Amino acid sequence: MNTSLKLTTLRGALVGLAACAATVGAFPAFAATGFGVAAPTVHVRYDDLNLQTDAGTQALYRRITRAARTVCPDPDSRELAVRIESEHCQATAIAKAVNDVNSPKLAQLYAAAHASRG
């Protein structure tokens, strides 16, 4: 069982999403975005968490969201385009990480958090 994730920014292209999907595991700290530019990546460990419990699942979700804020552009920028890109980047990175973990409890938590924003 893989007990760490790799979150990578997906700036602007689905090509980046495909490249990011290939990076889960023990690969270098940067993944190609499809544009010849390295995308920042962060590992999220969860081998210390029990994903069968609500507490463990919530802790992992917090780690994932914190990591997404780390690898995505500054969400507090004065530039609207940068803020929009940051929100999109974070949402995409979180969704991909939740999918990569393949935990029904984590997927449920993600769905509930996502529904409360809409």
C-alpha atoms as a PDB file:
ATOM      1  CA  MET A   1       0.000   0.000   0.000  1.00  0.00           C
ATOM      2  CA  ASN A   2       1.355   3.383  -1.003  1.00  0.00           C
ATOM      3  CA  THR A   3       1.251   5.668   2.020  1.00  0.00           C
ATOM      4  CA  SER A   4       2.315   8.943   0.477  1.00  0.00           C
ATOM      5  CA  LEU A   5       0.926  11.168  -2.228  1.00  0.00           C
ATOM      6  CA  LYS A   6       2.590  13.589  -4.518  1.00  0.00           C
ATOM      7  CA  LEU A   7       0.678  16.789  -5.233  1.00  0.00           C
ATOM      8  CA  THR A   8       1.807  18.655  -8.314  1.00  0.00           C
ATOM      9  CA  THR A   9       0.525  21.934  -9.684  1.00  0.00           C
ATOM     10  CA  LEU A  10      -1.427  21.610 -12.886  1.00  0.00           C
ATOM     11  CA  ARG A  11      -1.020  25.076 -14.335  1.00  0.00           C
ATOM     12  CA  GLY A  12      -3.343  25.485 -17.225  1.00  0.00           C
ATOM     13  CA  ALA A  13      -3.310  22.181 -19.119  1.00  0.00           C
ATOM     14  CA  LEU A  14      -4.763  18.709 -19.065  1.00  0.00           C
ATOM     15  CA  VAL A  15      -1.396  17.549 -20.351  1.00  0.00           C
ATOM     16  CA  GLY A  16      -0.098  18.501 -16.931  1.00  0.00           C
ATOM     17  CA  LEU A  17      -2.759  16.311 -15.335  1.00  0.00           C
ATOM     18  CA  ALA A  18      -1.538  13.303 -17.298  1.00  0.00           C
ATOM     19  CA  ALA A  19       2.054  14.041 -16.329  1.00  0.00           C
ATOM     20  CA  CYS A  20       1.026  14.460 -12.702  1.00  0.00           C
ATOM     21  CA  ALA A  21      -0.789  11.134 -12.675  1.00  0.00           C
ATOM     22  CA  ALA A  22       2.446   9.462 -13.667  1.00  0.00           C
ATOM     23  CA  THR A  23       4.321  11.020 -10.746  1.00  0.00           C
ATOM     24  CA  VAL A  24       2.575   9.260  -7.859  1.00  0.00           C
ATOM     25  CA  GLY A  25       5.212   7.111  -6.228  1.00  0.00           C
ATOM     26  CA  ALA A  26       8.920   7.561  -5.707  1.00  0.00           C
ATOM     27  CA  PHE A  27       9.926   9.876  -8.526  1.00  0.00           C
ATOM     28  CA  PRO A  28      11.901  13.125  -8.554  1.00  0.00           C
ATOM     29  CA  ALA A  29      10.465  16.121  -6.731  1.00  0.00           C
ATOM     30  CA  PHE A  30       9.351  17.816  -9.942  1.00  0.00           C
ATOM     31  CA  ALA A  31       7.064  16.598 -12.703  1.00  0.00           C
ATOM     32  CA  ALA A  32       6.911  17.880 -16.252  1.00  0.00           C
ATOM     33  CA  THR A  33       3.856  19.972 -17.013  1.00  0.00           C
ATOM     34  CA  GLY A  34       3.927  19.294 -20.716  1.00  0.00           C
ATOM     35  CA  PHE A  35       5.401  22.725 -21.425  1.00  0.00           C
ATOM     36  CA  GLY A  36       9.002  21.951 -20.522  1.00  0.00           C
ATOM     37  CA  VAL A  37       8.572  23.636 -17.131  1.00  0.00           C
ATOM     38  CA  ALA A  38       8.900  21.750 -13.868  1.00  0.00           C
ATOM     39  CA  ALA A  39       5.828  21.921 -11.634  1.00  0.00           C
ATOM     40  CA  PRO A  40       6.277  22.140  -7.870  1.00  0.00           C
ATOM     41  CA  THR A  41       5.470  18.918  -6.046  1.00  0.00           C
ATOM     42  CA  VAL A  42       5.036  18.034  -2.400  1.00  0.00           C
ATOM     43  CA  HIS A  43       4.799  14.610  -0.752  1.00  0.00           C
ATOM     44  CA  VAL A  44       1.913  14.000   1.633  1.00  0.00           C
ATOM     45  CA  ARG A  45       2.581  11.131   4.026  1.00  0.00           C
ATOM     46  CA  TYR A  46      -0.215   9.295   5.742  1.00  0.00           C
ATOM     47  CA  ASP A  47       1.361   6.090   6.977  1.00  0.00           C
ATOM     48  CA  ASP A  48       0.766   7.327  10.529  1.00  0.00           C
ATOM     49  CA  LEU A  49      -2.999   7.684   9.974  1.00  0.00           C
ATOM     50  CA  ASN A  50      -5.809   5.163  10.210  1.00  0.00           C
ATOM     51  CA  LEU A  51      -8.075   5.961   7.266  1.00  0.00           C
ATOM     52  CA  GLN A  52     -10.777   3.722   8.721  1.00  0.00           C
ATOM     53  CA  THR A  53     -11.461   6.405  11.342  1.00  0.00           C
ATOM     54  CA  ASP A  54     -13.016   9.832  10.940  1.00  0.00           C
ATOM     55  CA  ALA A  55     -10.068  11.427  12.747  1.00  0.00           C
ATOM     56  CA  GLY A  56      -7.518   9.803  10.438  1.00  0.00           C
ATOM     57  CA  THR A  57      -9.472  10.722   7.333  1.00  0.00           C
ATOM     58  CA  GLN A  58      -9.919  14.327   8.462  1.00  0.00           C
ATOM     59  CA  ALA A  59      -6.214  14.616   9.283  1.00  0.00           C
ATOM     60  CA  LEU A  60      -5.273  13.394   5.796  1.00  0.00           C
ATOM     61  CA  TYR A  61      -7.729  15.790   4.153  1.00  0.00           C
ATOM     62  CA  ARG A  62      -6.183  18.693   6.090  1.00  0.00           C
ATOM     63  CA  ARG A  63      -2.711  17.579   4.977  1.00  0.00           C
ATOM     64  CA  ILE A  64      -3.846  17.373   1.355  1.00  0.00           C
ATOM     65  CA  THR A  65      -5.436  20.837   1.410  1.00  0.00           C
ATOM     66  CA  ARG A  66      -2.360  22.313   3.123  1.00  0.00           C
ATOM     67  CA  ALA A  67      -0.116  20.720   0.492  1.00  0.00           C
ATOM     68  CA  ALA A  68      -2.305  22.063  -2.319  1.00  0.00           C
ATOM     69  CA  ARG A  69      -1.926  25.592  -0.915  1.00  0.00           C
ATOM     70  CA  THR A  70       1.841  25.025  -0.858  1.00  0.00           C
ATOM     71  CA  VAL A  71       2.221  23.975  -4.503  1.00  0.00           C
ATOM     72  CA  CYS A  72      -0.301  26.356  -6.062  1.00  0.00           C
ATOM     73  CA  PRO A  73       0.136  30.072  -6.847  1.00  0.00           C
ATOM     74  CA  ASP A  74      -0.459  32.636  -4.107  1.00  0.00           C
ATOM     75  CA  PRO A  75      -4.220  32.731  -3.381  1.00  0.00           C
ATOM     76  CA  ASP A  76      -3.845  36.154  -1.723  1.00  0.00           C
ATOM     77  CA  SER A  77      -2.492  37.860  -4.819  1.00  0.00           C
ATOM     78  CA  ARG A  78      -3.966  41.203  -5.797  1.00  0.00           C
ATOM     79  CA  GLU A  79      -4.240  39.931  -9.371  1.00  0.00           C
ATOM     80  CA  LEU A  80      -7.605  38.324 -10.067  1.00  0.00           C
ATOM     81  CA  ALA A  81      -6.135  35.957 -12.664  1.00  0.00           C
ATOM     82  CA  VAL A  82      -3.604  34.621 -10.139  1.00  0.00           C
ATOM     83  CA  ARG A  83      -6.321  34.091  -7.510  1.00  0.00           C
ATOM     84  CA  ILE A  84      -8.516  32.256 -10.024  1.00  0.00           C
ATOM     85  CA  GLU A  85      -5.564  30.119 -11.129  1.00  0.00           C
ATOM     86  CA  SER A  86      -4.763  29.335  -7.497  1.00  0.00           C
ATOM     87  CA  GLU A  87      -8.320  28.238  -6.724  1.00  0.00           C
ATOM     88  CA  HIS A  88      -8.413  26.053  -9.831  1.00  0.00           C
ATOM     89  CA  CYS A  89      -4.981  24.605  -9.086  1.00  0.00           C
ATOM     90  CA  GLN A  90      -5.898  23.777  -5.486  1.00  0.00           C
ATOM     91  CA  ALA A  91      -9.236  22.221  -6.439  1.00  0.00           C
ATOM     92  CA  THR A  92      -7.606  20.070  -9.117  1.00  0.00           C
ATOM     93  CA  ALA A  93      -4.700  18.978  -6.897  1.00  0.00           C
ATOM     94  CA  ILE A  94      -7.026  18.088  -4.003  1.00  0.00           C
ATOM     95  CA  ALA A  95      -9.408  16.131  -6.237  1.00  0.00           C
ATOM     96  CA  LYS A  96      -6.534  14.196  -7.778  1.00  0.00           C
ATOM     97  CA  ALA A  97      -4.962  13.406  -4.401  1.00  0.00           C
ATOM     98  CA  VAL A  98      -8.284  12.216  -2.961  1.00  0.00           C
ATOM     99  CA  ASN A  99      -8.744   9.992  -6.008  1.00  0.00           C
ATOM    100  CA  ASP A 100      -5.182   8.640  -5.730  1.00  0.00           C
ATOM    101  CA  VAL A 101      -5.685   7.574  -2.101  1.00  0.00           C
ATOM    102  CA  ASN A 102      -8.716   5.518  -3.139  1.00  0.00           C
ATOM    103  CA  SER A 103     -10.371   5.685   0.299  1.00  0.00           C
ATOM    104  CA  PRO A 104     -14.184   5.707   0.420  1.00  0.00           C
ATOM    105  CA  LYS A 105     -14.162   7.678   3.695  1.00  0.00           C
ATOM    106  CA  LEU A 106     -11.819  10.296   2.239  1.00  0.00           C
ATOM    107  CA  ALA A 107     -13.928  10.530  -0.925  1.00  0.00           C
ATOM    108  CA  GLN A 108     -17.021  11.042   1.246  1.00  0.00           C
ATOM    109  CA  LEU A 109     -15.314  13.791   3.237  1.00  0.00           C
ATOM    110  CA  TYR A 110     -14.155  15.466   0.024  1.00  0.00           C
ATOM    111  CA  ALA A 111     -17.666  15.297  -1.474  1.00  0.00           C
ATOM    112  CA  ALA A 112     -19.181  16.829   1.665  1.00  0.00           C
ATOM    113  CA  ALA A 113     -16.581  19.633   1.749  1.00  0.00           C
ATOM    114  CA  HIS A 114     -17.012  20.293  -1.958  1.00  0.00           C
ATOM    115  CA  ALA A 115     -20.830  20.351  -1.728  1.00  0.00           C
ATOM    116  CA  SER A 116     -20.737  22.911   1.075  1.00  0.00           C
ATOM    117  CA  ARG A 117     -18.843  25.335  -1.206  1.00  0.00           C
ATOM    118  CA  GLY A 118     -21.364  25.167  -4.032  1.00  0.00           C
END
